Amino acid sequence: MNKTIAFIGGGNMASAIIGGILKAGIATKDRLIATSKTEKTAASLKERFGILTTTDNLAAASQADILFLAVKPHLFAEIITEIKDHVRPDALIISIAAGQTIEKIESAFAREIRLVRAMPNTPALVGEAMSALCANQNATEADLADAGEIFHSFGECETVPEAMIDTVIGVSGSSPAYVYMFIEAMADAAVADGMPRTQAYKFAAQAVLGSAKMVLETGTHPGALKDAVCSPGGTTIEAVAVLEQQGLRSAVIAAQRACVQKSKDMS
């Protein structure tokens, strides 16, 4: 991809995306620019990735073929007001902020823009993100292809209608927190039964990783995979019966739907 890619904001998610771009060879270091509020952070990004860095948002925005808006949602209005007259008319803008709808962003720019709204999650930091992409009516198929190439460089991505973004936040954006709680609970039980804490975390986390891989790579329904582990009168079905009795499924569904509702309220 022979394009200059600029990031307004150089935080964790931007760093994960930059790392994926470089690893996949999508852009060379001299075609990547990231901004930060402080010279210290800019220097840190430059040292880590060897890319161009600056504290000047206008300079970065004016050079970008693809411009990532990677600042916190509450800063969007301020940042867009600052850069909107300096963004090239043919630039593709990609937003990764929660709660910032396509309509809001278009309104802030107050002109026609090509825009992709993206929702990655924190496993991007280890190259295992699940990201959702949705585009405004001005974005082209080529724009979506470029965005998809970038987001596939640090995980998986799917295109969804914007109406599904709140659901995406519930099922992948926020869900790593639920999974961490599940891993922690399994590890706590193992510790209670005598396993050292560090080893307990490894056993629990690897079990979750392997189980997820089984779902993704076999294409088998999770219920069928569960059934395959549950021998008649065995240990697993005993545990499953207690989980059902304690309401695991209903708790997860209720929590995730509360997350989705909060996302809708924020938007």
C-alpha atoms as a PDB file:
ATOM      1  CA  MET A   1       0.000   0.000   0.000  1.00  0.00           C
ATOM      2  CA  ASN A   2       1.849   3.077  -1.224  1.00  0.00           C
ATOM      3  CA  LYS A   3       0.043   5.520   1.050  1.00  0.00           C
ATOM      4  CA  THR A   4       0.920   7.787   3.952  1.00  0.00           C
ATOM      5  CA  ILE A   5      -0.924   6.697   7.092  1.00  0.00           C
ATOM      6  CA  ALA A   6      -1.185   9.193   9.944  1.00  0.00           C
ATOM      7  CA  PHE A   7      -2.477   8.749  13.482  1.00  0.00           C
ATOM      8  CA  ILE A   8      -3.862  11.610  15.524  1.00  0.00           C
ATOM      9  CA  GLY A   9      -3.082  10.116  18.917  1.00  0.00           C
ATOM     10  CA  GLY A  10      -0.404   7.585  19.734  1.00  0.00           C
ATOM     11  CA  GLY A  11      -1.896   5.580  22.603  1.00  0.00           C
ATOM     12  CA  ASN A  12      -2.136   1.815  23.091  1.00  0.00           C
ATOM     13  CA  MET A  13      -4.587   1.111  20.302  1.00  0.00           C
ATOM     14  CA  ALA A  14      -2.765   3.295  17.799  1.00  0.00           C
ATOM     15  CA  SER A  15       0.478   1.550  18.789  1.00  0.00           C
ATOM     16  CA  ALA A  16      -1.112  -1.858  18.239  1.00  0.00           C
ATOM     17  CA  ILE A  17      -2.297  -0.814  14.772  1.00  0.00           C
ATOM     18  CA  ILE A  18       1.093   0.655  13.866  1.00  0.00           C
ATOM     19  CA  GLY A  19       2.784  -2.553  14.990  1.00  0.00           C
ATOM     20  CA  GLY A  20       0.436  -4.616  12.826  1.00  0.00           C
ATOM     21  CA  ILE A  21       0.984  -2.394   9.786  1.00  0.00           C
ATOM     22  CA  LEU A  22       4.761  -2.680  10.090  1.00  0.00           C
ATOM     23  CA  LYS A  23       4.728  -6.422  10.746  1.00  0.00           C
ATOM     24  CA  ALA A  24       2.525  -7.035   7.702  1.00  0.00           C
ATOM     25  CA  GLY A  25       4.589  -4.698   5.516  1.00  0.00           C
ATOM     26  CA  ILE A  26       1.529  -2.626   4.612  1.00  0.00           C
ATOM     27  CA  ALA A  27       3.512   0.620   4.852  1.00  0.00           C
ATOM     28  CA  THR A  28       7.136   1.525   5.392  1.00  0.00           C
ATOM     29  CA  LYS A  29       8.272   3.455   8.452  1.00  0.00           C
ATOM     30  CA  ASP A  30       8.741   6.655   6.461  1.00  0.00           C
ATOM     31  CA  ARG A  31       5.074   6.534   5.408  1.00  0.00           C
ATOM     32  CA  LEU A  32       3.758   6.330   8.972  1.00  0.00           C
ATOM     33  CA  ILE A  33       3.179   9.389  11.169  1.00  0.00           C
ATOM     34  CA  ALA A  34       1.864   9.532  14.727  1.00  0.00           C
ATOM     35  CA  THR A  35       1.089  12.552  16.871  1.00  0.00           C
ATOM     36  CA  SER A  36       1.083  12.946  20.624  1.00  0.00           C
ATOM     37  CA  LYS A  37       0.514  15.733  23.110  1.00  0.00           C
ATOM     38  CA  THR A  38       4.061  15.679  24.472  1.00  0.00           C
ATOM     39  CA  GLU A  39       7.552  15.501  23.004  1.00  0.00           C
ATOM     40  CA  LYS A  40       8.336  12.701  25.455  1.00  0.00           C
ATOM     41  CA  THR A  41       5.583  10.446  24.091  1.00  0.00           C
ATOM     42  CA  ALA A  42       6.518  11.346  20.512  1.00  0.00           C
ATOM     43  CA  ALA A  43      10.129  10.389  21.203  1.00  0.00           C
ATOM     44  CA  SER A  44       9.005   7.118  22.782  1.00  0.00           C
ATOM     45  CA  LEU A  45       6.917   6.216  19.714  1.00  0.00           C
ATOM     46  CA  LYS A  46       9.789   7.081  17.408  1.00  0.00           C
ATOM     47  CA  GLU A  47      12.206   4.948  19.399  1.00  0.00           C
ATOM     48  CA  ARG A  48       9.785   2.005  19.524  1.00  0.00           C
ATOM     49  CA  PHE A  49       8.720   1.934  15.876  1.00  0.00           C
ATOM     50  CA  GLY A  50      11.191   4.108  13.972  1.00  0.00           C
ATOM     51  CA  ILE A  51       8.318   6.069  12.407  1.00  0.00           C
ATOM     52  CA  LEU A  52       7.802   9.801  11.983  1.00  0.00           C
ATOM     53  CA  THR A  53       6.351  11.452  15.085  1.00  0.00           C
ATOM     54  CA  THR A  54       5.254  14.960  15.940  1.00  0.00           C
ATOM     55  CA  THR A  55       3.202  17.029  18.358  1.00  0.00           C
ATOM     56  CA  ASP A  56       1.745  18.946  15.394  1.00  0.00           C
ATOM     57  CA  ASN A  57      -1.660  17.507  14.470  1.00  0.00           C
ATOM     58  CA  LEU A  58      -1.999  19.804  11.474  1.00  0.00           C
ATOM     59  CA  ALA A  59       1.248  18.608   9.916  1.00  0.00           C
ATOM     60  CA  ALA A  60       0.227  14.977  10.251  1.00  0.00           C
ATOM     61  CA  ALA A  61      -3.328  15.511   9.024  1.00  0.00           C
ATOM     62  CA  SER A  62      -2.247  17.452   5.949  1.00  0.00           C
ATOM     63  CA  GLN A  63       0.048  14.636   4.746  1.00  0.00           C
ATOM     64  CA  ALA A  64      -2.280  11.685   5.268  1.00  0.00           C
ATOM     65  CA  ASP A  65      -3.798   9.515   2.590  1.00  0.00           C
ATOM     66  CA  ILE A  66      -5.344   7.543   5.446  1.00  0.00           C
ATOM     67  CA  LEU A  67      -5.979   9.411   8.685  1.00  0.00           C
ATOM     68  CA  PHE A  68      -6.728   7.590  11.923  1.00  0.00           C
ATOM     69  CA  LEU A  69      -8.610   9.468  14.612  1.00  0.00           C
ATOM     70  CA  ALA A  70      -7.176   7.650  17.620  1.00  0.00           C
ATOM     71  CA  VAL A  71      -7.888  10.046  20.488  1.00  0.00           C
ATOM     72  CA  LYS A  72     -10.326   9.624  23.359  1.00  0.00           C
ATOM     73  CA  PRO A  73     -13.981  10.229  22.442  1.00  0.00           C
ATOM     74  CA  HIS A  74     -14.294  13.355  24.609  1.00  0.00           C
ATOM     75  CA  LEU A  75     -11.499  15.009  22.564  1.00  0.00           C
ATOM     76  CA  PHE A  76     -13.099  14.395  19.164  1.00  0.00           C
ATOM     77  CA  ALA A  77     -14.867  17.725  18.787  1.00  0.00           C
ATOM     78  CA  GLU A  78     -11.741  19.666  19.740  1.00  0.00           C
ATOM     79  CA  ILE A  79      -9.411  17.664  17.486  1.00  0.00           C
ATOM     80  CA  ILE A  80     -11.694  17.720  14.443  1.00  0.00           C
ATOM     81  CA  THR A  81     -12.202  21.477  14.800  1.00  0.00           C
ATOM     82  CA  GLU A  82      -8.415  21.833  14.827  1.00  0.00           C
ATOM     83  CA  ILE A  83      -7.612  19.655  11.803  1.00  0.00           C
ATOM     84  CA  LYS A  84     -10.700  19.669   9.561  1.00  0.00           C
ATOM     85  CA  ASP A  85      -9.506  22.415   7.215  1.00  0.00           C
ATOM     86  CA  HIS A  86      -6.126  20.693   6.809  1.00  0.00           C
ATOM     87  CA  VAL A  87      -7.304  17.171   5.981  1.00  0.00           C
ATOM     88  CA  ARG A  88      -6.941  16.421   2.281  1.00  0.00           C
ATOM     89  CA  PRO A  89     -10.272  16.207   0.392  1.00  0.00           C
ATOM     90  CA  ASP A  90      -9.404  12.717  -0.905  1.00  0.00           C
ATOM     91  CA  ALA A  91      -8.183  11.336   2.446  1.00  0.00           C
ATOM     92  CA  LEU A  92      -9.802   8.283   3.997  1.00  0.00           C
ATOM     93  CA  ILE A  93     -10.625   8.948   7.655  1.00  0.00           C
ATOM     94  CA  ILE A  94     -10.800   6.019  10.077  1.00  0.00           C
ATOM     95  CA  SER A  95     -12.250   6.518  13.559  1.00  0.00           C
ATOM     96  CA  ILE A  96     -11.628   4.002  16.356  1.00  0.00           C
ATOM     97  CA  ALA A  97     -13.554   5.782  19.118  1.00  0.00           C
ATOM     98  CA  ALA A  98     -16.575   4.398  20.949  1.00  0.00           C
ATOM     99  CA  GLY A  99     -19.718   6.530  20.928  1.00  0.00           C
ATOM    100  CA  GLN A 100     -18.662   8.650  17.951  1.00  0.00           C
ATOM    101  CA  THR A 101     -21.188   7.866  15.240  1.00  0.00           C
ATOM    102  CA  ILE A 102     -20.696   8.415  11.536  1.00  0.00           C
ATOM    103  CA  GLU A 103     -23.286  11.197  11.689  1.00  0.00           C
ATOM    104  CA  LYS A 104     -21.468  12.963  14.534  1.00  0.00           C
ATOM    105  CA  ILE A 105     -18.121  12.808  12.771  1.00  0.00           C
ATOM    106  CA  GLU A 106     -19.530  13.974   9.431  1.00  0.00           C
ATOM    107  CA  SER A 107     -21.279  16.852  11.211  1.00  0.00           C
ATOM    108  CA  ALA A 108     -18.046  17.876  12.945  1.00  0.00           C
ATOM    109  CA  PHE A 109     -16.143  18.006   9.635  1.00  0.00           C
ATOM    110  CA  ALA A 110     -19.049  19.929   8.058  1.00  0.00           C
ATOM    111  CA  ARG A 111     -18.157  18.704   4.587  1.00  0.00           C
ATOM    112  CA  GLU A 112     -18.184  15.502   2.589  1.00  0.00           C
ATOM    113  CA  ILE A 113     -15.637  12.999   3.852  1.00  0.00           C
ATOM    114  CA  ARG A 114     -14.770   9.366   3.179  1.00  0.00           C
ATOM    115  CA  LEU A 115     -15.123   7.697   6.549  1.00  0.00           C
ATOM    116  CA  VAL A 116     -14.779   4.240   8.060  1.00  0.00           C
ATOM    117  CA  ARG A 117     -15.846   3.765  11.656  1.00  0.00           C
ATOM    118  CA  ALA A 118     -13.951   0.917  13.312  1.00  0.00           C
ATOM    119  CA  MET A 119     -14.324  -0.866  16.630  1.00  0.00           C
ATOM    120  CA  PRO A 120     -11.260  -2.966  17.571  1.00  0.00           C
ATOM    121  CA  ASN A 121     -10.687  -4.513  20.998  1.00  0.00           C
ATOM    122  CA  THR A 122      -7.717  -4.675  23.364  1.00  0.00           C
ATOM    123  CA  PRO A 123      -6.370  -8.080  22.200  1.00  0.00           C
ATOM    124  CA  ALA A 124      -5.046  -5.951  19.327  1.00  0.00           C
ATOM    125  CA  LEU A 125      -2.086  -5.433  21.668  1.00  0.00           C
ATOM    126  CA  VAL A 126      -1.084  -9.084  21.118  1.00  0.00           C
ATOM    127  CA  GLY A 127      -2.154  -9.283  17.471  1.00  0.00           C
ATOM    128  CA  GLU A 128      -5.479 -11.007  18.171  1.00  0.00           C
ATOM    129  CA  ALA A 129      -8.042  -8.225  17.796  1.00  0.00           C
ATOM    130  CA  MET A 130     -11.616  -8.664  16.678  1.00  0.00           C
ATOM    131  CA  SER A 131     -12.593  -5.504  14.836  1.00  0.00           C
ATOM    132  CA  ALA A 132     -15.781  -4.299  13.177  1.00  0.00           C
ATOM    133  CA  LEU A 133     -15.816  -1.871  10.252  1.00  0.00           C
ATOM    134  CA  CYS A 134     -18.648   0.223   8.866  1.00  0.00           C
ATOM    135  CA  ALA A 135     -18.404   2.900   6.209  1.00  0.00           C
ATOM    136  CA  ASN A 136     -20.279   6.048   5.334  1.00  0.00           C
ATOM    137  CA  GLN A 137     -21.878   6.430   1.926  1.00  0.00           C
ATOM    138  CA  ASN A 138     -18.887   8.315   0.503  1.00  0.00           C
ATOM    139  CA  ALA A 139     -16.381   5.568   1.284  1.00  0.00           C
ATOM    140  CA  THR A 140     -15.586   3.294  -1.651  1.00  0.00           C
ATOM    141  CA  GLU A 141     -15.054  -0.456  -1.874  1.00  0.00           C
ATOM    142  CA  ALA A 142     -11.354   0.334  -2.223  1.00  0.00           C
ATOM    143  CA  ASP A 143     -11.492   2.311   1.032  1.00  0.00           C
ATOM    144  CA  LEU A 144     -13.048  -0.646   2.844  1.00  0.00           C
ATOM    145  CA  ALA A 145     -10.450  -2.946   1.316  1.00  0.00           C
ATOM    146  CA  ASP A 146      -7.633  -0.684   2.548  1.00  0.00           C
ATOM    147  CA  ALA A 147      -9.172  -0.498   6.020  1.00  0.00           C
ATOM    148  CA  GLY A 148      -9.686  -4.266   6.050  1.00  0.00           C
ATOM    149  CA  GLU A 149      -6.065  -4.897   5.111  1.00  0.00           C
ATOM    150  CA  ILE A 150      -4.915  -2.724   7.995  1.00  0.00           C
ATOM    151  CA  PHE A 151      -7.227  -4.272  10.587  1.00  0.00           C
ATOM    152  CA  HIS A 152      -6.434  -7.819   9.437  1.00  0.00           C
ATOM    153  CA  SER A 153      -2.763  -7.055  10.176  1.00  0.00           C
ATOM    154  CA  PHE A 154      -3.384  -7.309  13.934  1.00  0.00           C
ATOM    155  CA  GLY A 155      -6.302  -9.746  14.155  1.00  0.00           C
ATOM    156  CA  GLU A 156      -9.614 -10.456  12.478  1.00  0.00           C
ATOM    157  CA  CYS A 157     -12.215  -7.998  11.196  1.00  0.00           C
ATOM    158  CA  GLU A 158     -15.707  -8.034   9.748  1.00  0.00           C
ATOM    159  CA  THR A 159     -17.802  -5.401   8.004  1.00  0.00           C
ATOM    160  CA  VAL A 160     -21.096  -4.674   9.777  1.00  0.00           C
ATOM    161  CA  PRO A 161     -23.872  -2.076   9.437  1.00  0.00           C
ATOM    162  CA  GLU A 162     -23.437   0.797  11.874  1.00  0.00           C
ATOM    163  CA  ALA A 163     -26.619  -0.265  13.669  1.00  0.00           C
ATOM    164  CA  MET A 164     -24.647  -3.300  14.886  1.00  0.00           C
ATOM    165  CA  ILE A 165     -21.756  -1.345  16.423  1.00  0.00           C
ATOM    166  CA  ASP A 166     -23.316  -1.276  19.899  1.00  0.00           C
ATOM    167  CA  THR A 167     -23.765  -5.043  19.691  1.00  0.00           C
ATOM    168  CA  VAL A 168     -20.129  -5.368  18.596  1.00  0.00           C
ATOM    169  CA  ILE A 169     -19.066  -3.434  21.693  1.00  0.00           C
ATOM    170  CA  GLY A 170     -20.971  -5.906  23.858  1.00  0.00           C
ATOM    171  CA  VAL A 171     -19.752  -9.095  22.191  1.00  0.00           C
ATOM    172  CA  SER A 172     -16.119  -8.138  21.458  1.00  0.00           C
ATOM    173  CA  GLY A 173     -15.222  -4.582  22.474  1.00  0.00           C
ATOM    174  CA  SER A 174     -15.940  -5.012  26.176  1.00  0.00           C
ATOM    175  CA  SER A 175     -16.028  -8.810  26.394  1.00  0.00           C
ATOM    176  CA  PRO A 176     -12.320  -9.330  27.120  1.00  0.00           C
ATOM    177  CA  ALA A 177     -13.166  -8.077  30.618  1.00  0.00           C
ATOM    178  CA  TYR A 178     -15.761 -10.841  31.042  1.00  0.00           C
ATOM    179  CA  VAL A 179     -13.270 -13.443  29.827  1.00  0.00           C
ATOM    180  CA  TYR A 180     -10.585 -12.178  32.217  1.00  0.00           C
ATOM    181  CA  MET A 181     -13.071 -12.535  35.071  1.00  0.00           C
ATOM    182  CA  PHE A 182     -13.815 -16.112  33.979  1.00  0.00           C
ATOM    183  CA  ILE A 183     -10.089 -16.947  33.819  1.00  0.00           C
ATOM    184  CA  GLU A 184      -9.536 -15.364  37.226  1.00  0.00           C
ATOM    185  CA  ALA A 185     -12.417 -17.348  38.737  1.00  0.00           C
ATOM    186  CA  MET A 186     -11.102 -20.640  37.321  1.00  0.00           C
ATOM    187  CA  ALA A 187      -7.644 -19.828  38.641  1.00  0.00           C
ATOM    188  CA  ASP A 188      -9.068 -18.964  42.078  1.00  0.00           C
ATOM    189  CA  ALA A 189     -10.750 -22.372  42.199  1.00  0.00           C
ATOM    190  CA  ALA A 190      -7.507 -24.091  41.211  1.00  0.00           C
ATOM    191  CA  VAL A 191      -5.635 -22.188  43.929  1.00  0.00           C
ATOM    192  CA  ALA A 192      -8.302 -23.238  46.432  1.00  0.00           C
ATOM    193  CA  ASP A 193      -7.569 -26.831  45.418  1.00  0.00           C
ATOM    194  CA  GLY A 194      -3.829 -26.378  45.962  1.00  0.00           C
ATOM    195  CA  MET A 195      -2.371 -25.204  42.635  1.00  0.00           C
ATOM    196  CA  PRO A 196       0.190 -22.333  42.710  1.00  0.00           C
ATOM    197  CA  ARG A 197      -1.305 -19.043  41.464  1.00  0.00           C
ATOM    198  CA  THR A 198       0.989 -18.535  38.453  1.00  0.00           C
ATOM    199  CA  GLN A 199       0.410 -22.082  37.244  1.00  0.00           C
ATOM    200  CA  ALA A 200      -3.340 -21.737  37.800  1.00  0.00           C
ATOM    201  CA  TYR A 201      -3.506 -18.679  35.534  1.00  0.00           C
ATOM    202  CA  LYS A 202      -1.591 -20.516  32.810  1.00  0.00           C
ATOM    203  CA  PHE A 203      -3.842 -23.585  32.923  1.00  0.00           C
ATOM    204  CA  ALA A 204      -7.004 -21.458  32.899  1.00  0.00           C
ATOM    205  CA  ALA A 205      -5.871 -19.038  30.179  1.00  0.00           C
ATOM    206  CA  GLN A 206      -4.600 -21.788  27.874  1.00  0.00           C
ATOM    207  CA  ALA A 207      -7.867 -23.691  28.298  1.00  0.00           C
ATOM    208  CA  VAL A 208      -9.803 -20.578  27.173  1.00  0.00           C
ATOM    209  CA  LEU A 209      -7.402 -19.956  24.275  1.00  0.00           C
ATOM    210  CA  GLY A 210      -7.600 -23.551  23.077  1.00  0.00           C
ATOM    211  CA  SER A 211     -11.377 -23.693  23.406  1.00  0.00           C
ATOM    212  CA  ALA A 212     -11.797 -20.492  21.380  1.00  0.00           C
ATOM    213  CA  LYS A 213      -9.475 -21.888  18.721  1.00  0.00           C
ATOM    214  CA  MET A 214     -11.600 -25.044  18.528  1.00  0.00           C
ATOM    215  CA  VAL A 215     -14.709 -22.942  17.825  1.00  0.00           C
ATOM    216  CA  LEU A 216     -12.974 -20.850  15.165  1.00  0.00           C
ATOM    217  CA  GLU A 217     -11.031 -23.580  13.395  1.00  0.00           C
ATOM    218  CA  THR A 218     -13.544 -26.451  13.432  1.00  0.00           C
ATOM    219  CA  GLY A 219     -16.684 -24.409  12.750  1.00  0.00           C
ATOM    220  CA  THR A 220     -18.495 -26.727  15.140  1.00  0.00           C
ATOM    221  CA  HIS A 221     -21.339 -25.329  17.244  1.00  0.00           C
ATOM    222  CA  PRO A 222     -20.106 -24.479  20.770  1.00  0.00           C
ATOM    223  CA  GLY A 223     -22.889 -26.612  22.218  1.00  0.00           C
ATOM    224  CA  ALA A 224     -21.674 -29.651  20.273  1.00  0.00           C
ATOM    225  CA  LEU A 225     -18.098 -29.059  21.446  1.00  0.00           C
ATOM    226  CA  LYS A 226     -19.386 -28.823  25.013  1.00  0.00           C
ATOM    227  CA  ASP A 227     -21.308 -32.069  24.605  1.00  0.00           C
ATOM    228  CA  ALA A 228     -18.175 -33.806  23.336  1.00  0.00           C
ATOM    229  CA  VAL A 229     -16.385 -33.048  26.623  1.00  0.00           C
ATOM    230  CA  CYS A 230     -19.295 -34.182  28.805  1.00  0.00           C
ATOM    231  CA  SER A 231     -18.966 -37.935  29.341  1.00  0.00           C
ATOM    232  CA  PRO A 232     -22.001 -39.675  30.911  1.00  0.00           C
ATOM    233  CA  GLY A 233     -21.786 -39.461  34.685  1.00  0.00           C
ATOM    234  CA  GLY A 234     -18.419 -37.716  34.423  1.00  0.00           C
ATOM    235  CA  THR A 235     -16.689 -34.729  35.990  1.00  0.00           C
ATOM    236  CA  THR A 236     -17.472 -32.192  33.250  1.00  0.00           C
ATOM    237  CA  ILE A 237     -21.229 -32.683  33.233  1.00  0.00           C
ATOM    238  CA  GLU A 238     -21.167 -32.271  37.007  1.00  0.00           C
ATOM    239  CA  ALA A 239     -19.510 -28.868  36.583  1.00  0.00           C
ATOM    240  CA  VAL A 240     -21.858 -27.890  33.728  1.00  0.00           C
ATOM    241  CA  ALA A 241     -24.887 -28.738  35.878  1.00  0.00           C
ATOM    242  CA  VAL A 242     -23.654 -26.393  38.621  1.00  0.00           C
ATOM    243  CA  LEU A 243     -22.948 -23.612  36.104  1.00  0.00           C
ATOM    244  CA  GLU A 244     -26.497 -23.951  34.777  1.00  0.00           C
ATOM    245  CA  GLN A 245     -27.882 -23.985  38.311  1.00  0.00           C
ATOM    246  CA  GLN A 246     -25.940 -20.816  39.158  1.00  0.00           C
ATOM    247  CA  GLY A 247     -27.139 -19.039  36.004  1.00  0.00           C
ATOM    248  CA  LEU A 248     -23.910 -18.625  34.033  1.00  0.00           C
ATOM    249  CA  ARG A 249     -25.649 -18.174  30.686  1.00  0.00           C
ATOM    250  CA  SER A 250     -28.305 -15.775  31.941  1.00  0.00           C
ATOM    251  CA  ALA A 251     -25.670 -13.714  33.813  1.00  0.00           C
ATOM    252  CA  VAL A 252     -23.526 -13.375  30.673  1.00  0.00           C
ATOM    253  CA  ILE A 253     -26.517 -12.482  28.487  1.00  0.00           C
ATOM    254  CA  ALA A 254     -27.804  -9.910  30.994  1.00  0.00           C
ATOM    255  CA  ALA A 255     -24.363  -8.348  31.451  1.00  0.00           C
ATOM    256  CA  GLN A 256     -23.671  -8.126  27.737  1.00  0.00           C
ATOM    257  CA  ARG A 257     -27.067  -6.582  26.986  1.00  0.00           C
ATOM    258  CA  ALA A 258     -26.461  -4.006  29.755  1.00  0.00           C
ATOM    259  CA  CYS A 259     -23.152  -3.186  28.049  1.00  0.00           C
ATOM    260  CA  VAL A 260     -24.900  -2.716  24.703  1.00  0.00           C
ATOM    261  CA  GLN A 261     -27.534  -0.458  26.270  1.00  0.00           C
ATOM    262  CA  LYS A 262     -24.823   1.685  27.875  1.00  0.00           C
ATOM    263  CA  SER A 263     -23.131   2.011  24.504  1.00  0.00           C
ATOM    264  CA  LYS A 264     -26.414   3.147  22.935  1.00  0.00           C
ATOM    265  CA  ASP A 265     -26.884   5.686  25.741  1.00  0.00           C
ATOM    266  CA  MET A 266     -23.359   7.060  25.165  1.00  0.00           C
ATOM    267  CA  SER A 267     -24.033   7.485  21.466  1.00  0.00           C
END
